[in-house]
Amino acid sequence: MCFCLQYAISRYGVGNSVANGQLMLSKFIPPLIASISDPNSQVRDTAMSTLVEIYKHVGEKLRQDISKKHTNIPTQK
């Protein structure tokens, strides 16, 4: 899922609605957050790189959204 999401972001961009042809990312954030704590290192790395790719397009709004809604993440992650 992460590789497909990264490809879609790079190809179509990101946005707040599907109506204008852009992706809605809010549905993908919770599973990505859960995946950065996965026991498998490849899953963790891929989830983190996907979050980085989203951050490149969304910016500081992503970090603020994560810090508000997902308070159980260790600060180093």
C-alpha atoms as a PDB file:
ATOM      1  CA  MET A   1       0.000   0.000   0.000  1.00  0.00           C
ATOM      2  CA  CYS A   2       2.799   2.421   0.889  1.00  0.00           C
ATOM      3  CA  PHE A   3       4.561   2.126  -2.459  1.00  0.00           C
ATOM      4  CA  CYS A   4       1.284   2.645  -4.320  1.00  0.00           C
ATOM      5  CA  LEU A   5       0.483   5.659  -2.173  1.00  0.00           C
ATOM      6  CA  GLN A   6       3.935   7.155  -2.762  1.00  0.00           C
ATOM      7  CA  TYR A   7       3.501   6.690  -6.511  1.00  0.00           C
ATOM      8  CA  ALA A   8       0.022   8.227  -6.492  1.00  0.00           C
ATOM      9  CA  ILE A   9       1.234  11.231  -4.499  1.00  0.00           C
ATOM     10  CA  SER A  10       4.123  11.858  -6.857  1.00  0.00           C
ATOM     11  CA  ARG A  11       1.909  11.447  -9.914  1.00  0.00           C
ATOM     12  CA  TYR A  12      -1.335  13.166  -8.871  1.00  0.00           C
ATOM     13  CA  GLY A  13      -0.356  15.391  -5.956  1.00  0.00           C
ATOM     14  CA  VAL A  14      -2.344  15.797  -2.759  1.00  0.00           C
ATOM     15  CA  GLY A  15      -5.439  17.744  -1.841  1.00  0.00           C
ATOM     16  CA  ASN A  16      -8.458  17.991   0.408  1.00  0.00           C
ATOM     17  CA  SER A  17     -10.993  16.422  -1.901  1.00  0.00           C
ATOM     18  CA  VAL A  18     -11.343  13.730  -4.502  1.00  0.00           C
ATOM     19  CA  ALA A  19     -13.656  15.957  -6.550  1.00  0.00           C
ATOM     20  CA  ASN A  20     -10.783  18.018  -7.925  1.00  0.00           C
ATOM     21  CA  GLY A  21      -8.814  14.907  -8.924  1.00  0.00           C
ATOM     22  CA  GLN A  22      -6.448  14.921  -5.957  1.00  0.00           C
ATOM     23  CA  LEU A  23      -5.937  12.397  -3.171  1.00  0.00           C
ATOM     24  CA  MET A  24      -7.461  12.636   0.286  1.00  0.00           C
ATOM     25  CA  LEU A  25      -4.660  11.643   2.628  1.00  0.00           C
ATOM     26  CA  SER A  26      -6.467  11.791   5.967  1.00  0.00           C
ATOM     27  CA  LYS A  27      -7.633   8.181   5.597  1.00  0.00           C
ATOM     28  CA  PHE A  28      -4.070   6.933   5.124  1.00  0.00           C
ATOM     29  CA  ILE A  29      -2.424   8.619   8.101  1.00  0.00           C
ATOM     30  CA  PRO A  30      -3.706   6.319  10.943  1.00  0.00           C
ATOM     31  CA  PRO A  31      -2.489   3.074   9.303  1.00  0.00           C
ATOM     32  CA  LEU A  32       0.852   4.711   8.492  1.00  0.00           C
ATOM     33  CA  ILE A  33       1.215   5.859  12.094  1.00  0.00           C
ATOM     34  CA  ALA A  34       0.447   2.331  13.296  1.00  0.00           C
ATOM     35  CA  SER A  35       2.979   0.903  10.832  1.00  0.00           C
ATOM     36  CA  ILE A  36       5.896   2.933  12.175  1.00  0.00           C
ATOM     37  CA  SER A  37       5.695   0.770  15.310  1.00  0.00           C
ATOM     38  CA  ASP A  38       5.580  -2.525  13.404  1.00  0.00           C
ATOM     39  CA  PRO A  39       8.038  -5.232  14.533  1.00  0.00           C
ATOM     40  CA  ASN A  40       9.260  -5.657  10.935  1.00  0.00           C
ATOM     41  CA  SER A  41      11.912  -3.049  10.083  1.00  0.00           C
ATOM     42  CA  GLN A  42      10.995  -2.989   6.384  1.00  0.00           C
ATOM     43  CA  VAL A  43       7.409  -2.085   7.242  1.00  0.00           C
ATOM     44  CA  ARG A  44       8.587   0.658   9.623  1.00  0.00           C
ATOM     45  CA  ASP A  45      10.999   2.098   7.069  1.00  0.00           C
ATOM     46  CA  THR A  46       8.449   2.065   4.262  1.00  0.00           C
ATOM     47  CA  ALA A  47       5.789   3.693   6.430  1.00  0.00           C
ATOM     48  CA  MET A  48       8.236   6.375   7.503  1.00  0.00           C
ATOM     49  CA  SER A  49       9.339   7.074   3.939  1.00  0.00           C
ATOM     50  CA  THR A  50       5.682   7.361   2.936  1.00  0.00           C
ATOM     51  CA  LEU A  51       5.082   9.874   5.723  1.00  0.00           C
ATOM     52  CA  VAL A  52       8.148  11.802   4.558  1.00  0.00           C
ATOM     53  CA  GLU A  53       6.762  11.862   1.006  1.00  0.00           C
ATOM     54  CA  ILE A  54       3.434  13.163   2.300  1.00  0.00           C
ATOM     55  CA  TYR A  55       5.275  15.769   4.358  1.00  0.00           C
ATOM     56  CA  LYS A  56       7.085  16.970   1.242  1.00  0.00           C
ATOM     57  CA  HIS A  57       3.720  17.781  -0.333  1.00  0.00           C
ATOM     58  CA  VAL A  58       1.686  18.870   2.688  1.00  0.00           C
ATOM     59  CA  GLY A  59       4.331  20.429   4.907  1.00  0.00           C
ATOM     60  CA  GLU A  60       3.982  21.428   8.532  1.00  0.00           C
ATOM     61  CA  LYS A  61       0.231  20.716   8.520  1.00  0.00           C
ATOM     62  CA  LEU A  62       0.989  16.983   8.595  1.00  0.00           C
ATOM     63  CA  ARG A  63       3.184  17.261  11.688  1.00  0.00           C
ATOM     64  CA  GLN A  64       0.567  19.362  13.471  1.00  0.00           C
ATOM     65  CA  ASP A  65      -2.198  16.915  12.540  1.00  0.00           C
ATOM     66  CA  ILE A  66      -0.167  13.953  13.796  1.00  0.00           C
ATOM     67  CA  SER A  67       0.756  15.664  17.055  1.00  0.00           C
ATOM     68  CA  LYS A  68      -2.907  16.537  17.755  1.00  0.00           C
ATOM     69  CA  LYS A  69      -4.569  13.259  16.801  1.00  0.00           C
ATOM     70  CA  HIS A  70      -1.878  10.672  17.525  1.00  0.00           C
ATOM     71  CA  THR A  71      -0.438  11.531  20.916  1.00  0.00           C
ATOM     72  CA  ASN A  72       0.809   7.992  21.620  1.00  0.00           C
ATOM     73  CA  ILE A  73       3.794   8.306  19.239  1.00  0.00           C
ATOM     74  CA  PRO A  74       7.190   8.638  20.912  1.00  0.00           C
ATOM     75  CA  THR A  75       8.724  12.044  20.155  1.00  0.00           C
ATOM     76  CA  GLN A  76      11.841  10.569  18.544  1.00  0.00           C
ATOM     77  CA  LYS A  77       9.656   9.022  15.825  1.00  0.00           C
END
